[in-house]
Amino acid sequence: MVRPRPTDDELRQNFDEELASASSGGGLHTETGLDSETQDALWAVARAYPEVTDDLLAAARTAFAGQLDGSHAAGYRDKLRAQYQLLYGDR
């Protein structure tokens, strides 16, 4: 079954819940709609527990902001275009 993309409000709620879990020693859930960059930052927080620093929390928030503003997706598209160009040139 294909699920609809979460709204920005749903993503914010999911991020807040995942950040709270990671920063208190819990794990992360699947199918939250959070992209890999955001999940990686949250895992860094979880791995650091109980020594979670303000820098790690800020990095997680910055990663999530990159998801919301579309910069992660744009970077991924640029990477795919570059790979295509390497393989196929100007077709």
N, C-alpha and C. Protein backbone atom coordinates (compact mmCIF):
# COMPACT_ATOMS: atom_id res chain seq x y z
N MET A 1 0.84 -1.17 0.00
CA MET A 1 0.00 0.00 0.00
C MET A 1 0.90 1.24 0.00
N VAL A 2 0.60 2.16 -0.87
CA VAL A 2 1.36 3.40 -0.95
C VAL A 2 0.72 4.42 -0.02
N ARG A 3 1.56 4.97 0.84
CA ARG A 3 1.06 5.98 1.78
C ARG A 3 1.33 7.37 1.21
N PRO A 4 0.45 8.30 1.47
CA PRO A 4 0.71 9.67 1.01
C PRO A 4 1.88 10.27 1.78
N ARG A 5 2.56 11.20 1.12
CA ARG A 5 3.66 11.89 1.79
C ARG A 5 3.12 12.64 2.99
N PRO A 6 3.87 12.61 4.10
CA PRO A 6 3.42 13.37 5.27
C PRO A 6 3.46 14.87 4.99
N THR A 7 2.56 15.59 5.61
CA THR A 7 2.56 17.04 5.50
C THR A 7 3.74 17.59 6.31
N ASP A 8 4.06 18.87 6.12
CA ASP A 8 5.12 19.49 6.90
C ASP A 8 4.81 19.44 8.39
N ASP A 9 3.55 19.64 8.75
CA ASP A 9 3.17 19.56 10.17
C ASP A 9 3.38 18.15 10.72
N GLU A 10 3.03 17.15 9.93
CA GLU A 10 3.26 15.76 10.35
C GLU A 10 4.75 15.47 10.47
N LEU A 11 5.54 15.98 9.53
CA LEU A 11 6.98 15.79 9.60
C LEU A 11 7.56 16.45 10.85
N ARG A 12 7.10 17.67 11.15
CA ARG A 12 7.58 18.35 12.36
C ARG A 12 7.24 17.55 13.62
N GLN A 13 6.04 17.03 13.68
CA GLN A 13 5.64 16.22 14.83
C GLN A 13 6.51 14.96 14.91
N ASN A 14 6.71 14.30 13.78
CA ASN A 14 7.54 13.10 13.76
C ASN A 14 8.97 13.41 14.18
N PHE A 15 9.51 14.52 13.67
CA PHE A 15 10.87 14.90 14.04
C PHE A 15 10.97 15.16 15.53
N ASP A 16 10.05 15.91 16.07
CA ASP A 16 10.07 16.21 17.50
C ASP A 16 10.02 14.93 18.34
N GLU A 17 9.18 13.99 17.93
CA GLU A 17 9.06 12.73 18.66
C GLU A 17 10.34 11.91 18.55
N GLU A 18 10.93 11.87 17.36
CA GLU A 18 12.16 11.11 17.16
C GLU A 18 13.33 11.75 17.89
N LEU A 19 13.40 13.07 17.89
CA LEU A 19 14.48 13.76 18.61
C LEU A 19 14.36 13.51 20.11
N ALA A 20 13.15 13.56 20.63
CA ALA A 20 12.94 13.28 22.06
C ALA A 20 13.35 11.85 22.40
N SER A 21 13.00 10.91 21.54
CA SER A 21 13.37 9.52 21.77
C SER A 21 14.89 9.34 21.72
N ALA A 22 15.50 9.88 20.68
CA ALA A 22 16.94 9.71 20.51
C ALA A 22 17.73 10.36 21.64
N SER A 23 17.28 11.51 22.08
CA SER A 23 18.03 12.24 23.11
C SER A 23 17.79 11.68 24.51
N SER A 24 16.84 10.77 24.64
CA SER A 24 16.59 10.16 25.95
C SER A 24 16.97 8.68 25.98
N GLY A 25 17.74 8.24 24.98
CA GLY A 25 18.22 6.87 24.98
C GLY A 25 17.37 5.89 24.21
N GLY A 26 16.29 6.35 23.59
CA GLY A 26 15.43 5.48 22.81
C GLY A 26 15.93 5.34 21.39
N GLY A 27 15.33 4.46 20.65
CA GLY A 27 15.68 4.28 19.25
C GLY A 27 14.82 5.13 18.35
N LEU A 28 14.94 4.86 17.07
CA LEU A 28 14.15 5.58 16.07
C LEU A 28 13.15 4.64 15.44
N HIS A 29 12.05 5.21 14.99
CA HIS A 29 11.01 4.45 14.30
C HIS A 29 11.23 4.50 12.80
N THR A 30 10.67 3.53 12.12
CA THR A 30 10.70 3.54 10.66
C THR A 30 9.45 4.24 10.14
N GLU A 31 9.48 4.56 8.88
CA GLU A 31 8.34 5.14 8.17
C GLU A 31 7.82 6.42 8.83
N THR A 32 8.74 7.30 9.18
CA THR A 32 8.37 8.59 9.76
C THR A 32 8.29 9.68 8.70
N GLY A 33 8.80 9.38 7.51
CA GLY A 33 8.84 10.40 6.47
C GLY A 33 10.11 11.24 6.52
N LEU A 34 10.95 11.00 7.51
CA LEU A 34 12.19 11.76 7.64
C LEU A 34 13.23 11.20 6.66
N ASP A 35 13.96 12.10 6.00
CA ASP A 35 14.92 11.65 5.00
C ASP A 35 16.19 11.10 5.65
N SER A 36 17.07 10.53 4.83
CA SER A 36 18.24 9.85 5.37
C SER A 36 19.20 10.80 6.09
N GLU A 37 19.34 12.02 5.59
CA GLU A 37 20.23 12.97 6.26
C GLU A 37 19.71 13.29 7.67
N THR A 38 18.41 13.47 7.79
CA THR A 38 17.81 13.75 9.09
C THR A 38 17.91 12.53 9.99
N GLN A 39 17.64 11.36 9.46
CA GLN A 39 17.76 10.14 10.26
C GLN A 39 19.19 9.93 10.73
N ASP A 40 20.17 10.18 9.86
CA ASP A 40 21.58 10.03 10.26
C ASP A 40 21.91 10.95 11.44
N ALA A 41 21.42 12.18 11.38
CA ALA A 41 21.67 13.13 12.47
C ALA A 41 20.99 12.67 13.75
N LEU A 42 19.79 12.11 13.64
CA LEU A 42 19.09 11.60 14.82
C LEU A 42 19.81 10.38 15.40
N TRP A 43 20.34 9.52 14.54
CA TRP A 43 21.10 8.37 15.03
C TRP A 43 22.37 8.82 15.75
N ALA A 44 22.99 9.89 15.28
CA ALA A 44 24.16 10.43 15.97
C ALA A 44 23.78 10.87 17.38
N VAL A 45 22.62 11.46 17.53
CA VAL A 45 22.13 11.85 18.86
C VAL A 45 21.91 10.60 19.71
N ALA A 46 21.25 9.59 19.14
CA ALA A 46 20.95 8.37 19.90
C ALA A 46 22.24 7.67 20.34
N ARG A 47 23.23 7.61 19.45
CA ARG A 47 24.49 6.95 19.79
C ARG A 47 25.25 7.70 20.89
N ALA A 48 25.05 8.99 20.97
CA ALA A 48 25.77 9.79 21.96
C ALA A 48 25.17 9.70 23.36
N TYR A 49 23.94 9.21 23.46
CA TYR A 49 23.28 9.14 24.76
C TYR A 49 24.15 8.39 25.75
N PRO A 50 24.34 8.83 26.94
CA PRO A 50 23.71 9.95 27.64
C PRO A 50 24.50 11.25 27.52
N GLU A 51 25.49 11.26 26.66
CA GLU A 51 26.35 12.45 26.50
C GLU A 51 25.90 13.29 25.30
N VAL A 52 24.62 13.52 25.16
CA VAL A 52 24.08 14.29 24.04
C VAL A 52 24.46 15.77 24.22
N THR A 53 25.12 16.31 23.22
CA THR A 53 25.58 17.70 23.30
C THR A 53 24.62 18.63 22.56
N ASP A 54 24.72 19.89 22.89
CA ASP A 54 23.93 20.91 22.18
C ASP A 54 24.28 20.92 20.70
N ASP A 55 25.55 20.67 20.37
CA ASP A 55 25.95 20.64 18.96
C ASP A 55 25.25 19.53 18.18
N LEU A 56 25.11 18.36 18.80
CA LEU A 56 24.40 17.26 18.14
C LEU A 56 22.93 17.59 17.94
N LEU A 57 22.32 18.20 18.95
CA LEU A 57 20.92 18.59 18.83
C LEU A 57 20.75 19.64 17.74
N ALA A 58 21.67 20.59 17.69
CA ALA A 58 21.61 21.63 16.65
C ALA A 58 21.81 21.02 15.27
N ALA A 59 22.71 20.05 15.16
CA ALA A 59 22.95 19.40 13.87
C ALA A 59 21.70 18.65 13.40
N ALA A 60 21.00 18.02 14.33
CA ALA A 60 19.76 17.32 13.97
C ALA A 60 18.71 18.31 13.49
N ARG A 61 18.60 19.42 14.18
CA ARG A 61 17.62 20.44 13.77
C ARG A 61 17.99 21.04 12.41
N THR A 62 19.28 21.24 12.18
CA THR A 62 19.73 21.78 10.89
C THR A 62 19.46 20.78 9.77
N ALA A 63 19.71 19.51 10.04
CA ALA A 63 19.43 18.48 9.04
C ALA A 63 17.94 18.46 8.70
N PHE A 64 17.10 18.55 9.71
CA PHE A 64 15.66 18.54 9.46
C PHE A 64 15.24 19.78 8.68
N ALA A 65 15.83 20.91 8.98
CA ALA A 65 15.51 22.13 8.22
C ALA A 65 15.86 21.94 6.74
N GLY A 66 16.95 21.23 6.46
CA GLY A 66 17.32 20.95 5.08
C GLY A 66 16.32 20.06 4.37
N GLN A 67 15.67 19.19 5.12
CA GLN A 67 14.61 18.38 4.53
C GLN A 67 13.41 19.25 4.21
N LEU A 68 13.01 20.07 5.17
CA LEU A 68 11.82 20.89 4.97
C LEU A 68 11.98 21.92 3.86
N ASP A 69 13.17 22.51 3.74
CA ASP A 69 13.34 23.55 2.71
C ASP A 69 13.67 22.99 1.33
N GLY A 70 13.81 21.67 1.24
CA GLY A 70 14.04 21.04 -0.05
C GLY A 70 15.49 20.96 -0.48
N SER A 71 16.41 21.44 0.34
CA SER A 71 17.82 21.43 -0.08
C SER A 71 18.39 20.02 -0.15
N HIS A 72 17.92 19.10 0.70
CA HIS A 72 18.38 17.72 0.60
C HIS A 72 17.94 17.10 -0.72
N ALA A 73 16.69 17.30 -1.07
CA ALA A 73 16.16 16.75 -2.32
C ALA A 73 16.87 17.36 -3.53
N ALA A 74 17.13 18.65 -3.48
CA ALA A 74 17.83 19.30 -4.59
C ALA A 74 19.24 18.76 -4.74
N GLY A 75 19.91 18.55 -3.63
CA GLY A 75 21.26 17.98 -3.68
C GLY A 75 21.27 16.58 -4.26
N TYR A 76 20.27 15.79 -3.91
CA TYR A 76 20.14 14.44 -4.44
C TYR A 76 19.89 14.47 -5.94
N ARG A 77 19.01 15.37 -6.39
CA ARG A 77 18.75 15.48 -7.83
C ARG A 77 20.01 15.90 -8.58
N ASP A 78 20.77 16.86 -8.01
CA ASP A 78 22.01 17.30 -8.65
C ASP A 78 23.01 16.15 -8.76
N LYS A 79 23.08 15.35 -7.73
CA LYS A 79 23.99 14.20 -7.74
C LYS A 79 23.57 13.20 -8.82
N LEU A 80 22.28 12.94 -8.93
CA LEU A 80 21.80 12.03 -9.98
C LEU A 80 22.08 12.57 -11.37
N ARG A 81 21.88 13.88 -11.56
CA ARG A 81 22.17 14.49 -12.87
C ARG A 81 23.64 14.35 -13.23
N ALA A 82 24.51 14.58 -12.25
CA ALA A 82 25.94 14.47 -12.48
C ALA A 82 26.33 13.03 -12.84
N GLN A 83 25.73 12.07 -12.17
CA GLN A 83 26.01 10.67 -12.48
C GLN A 83 25.51 10.32 -13.88
N TYR A 84 24.35 10.82 -14.23
CA TYR A 84 23.80 10.59 -15.56
C TYR A 84 24.73 11.16 -16.62
N GLN A 85 25.20 12.38 -16.38
CA GLN A 85 26.11 13.02 -17.32
C GLN A 85 27.39 12.22 -17.49
N LEU A 86 27.91 11.69 -16.41
CA LEU A 86 29.11 10.86 -16.49
C LEU A 86 28.88 9.61 -17.33
N LEU A 87 27.72 9.02 -17.16
CA LEU A 87 27.41 7.78 -17.87
C LEU A 87 27.01 8.00 -19.32
N TYR A 88 26.21 9.01 -19.57
CA TYR A 88 25.58 9.16 -20.89
C TYR A 88 25.94 10.44 -21.62
N GLY A 89 26.57 11.38 -20.98
CA GLY A 89 26.92 12.63 -21.64
C GLY A 89 25.69 13.42 -22.03
N ASP A 90 25.82 14.20 -23.09
CA ASP A 90 24.72 15.05 -23.56
C ASP A 90 23.89 14.32 -24.60
N ARG A 91 22.94 13.57 -24.18
CA ARG A 91 22.06 12.86 -25.13
C ARG A 91 20.80 13.60 -25.36
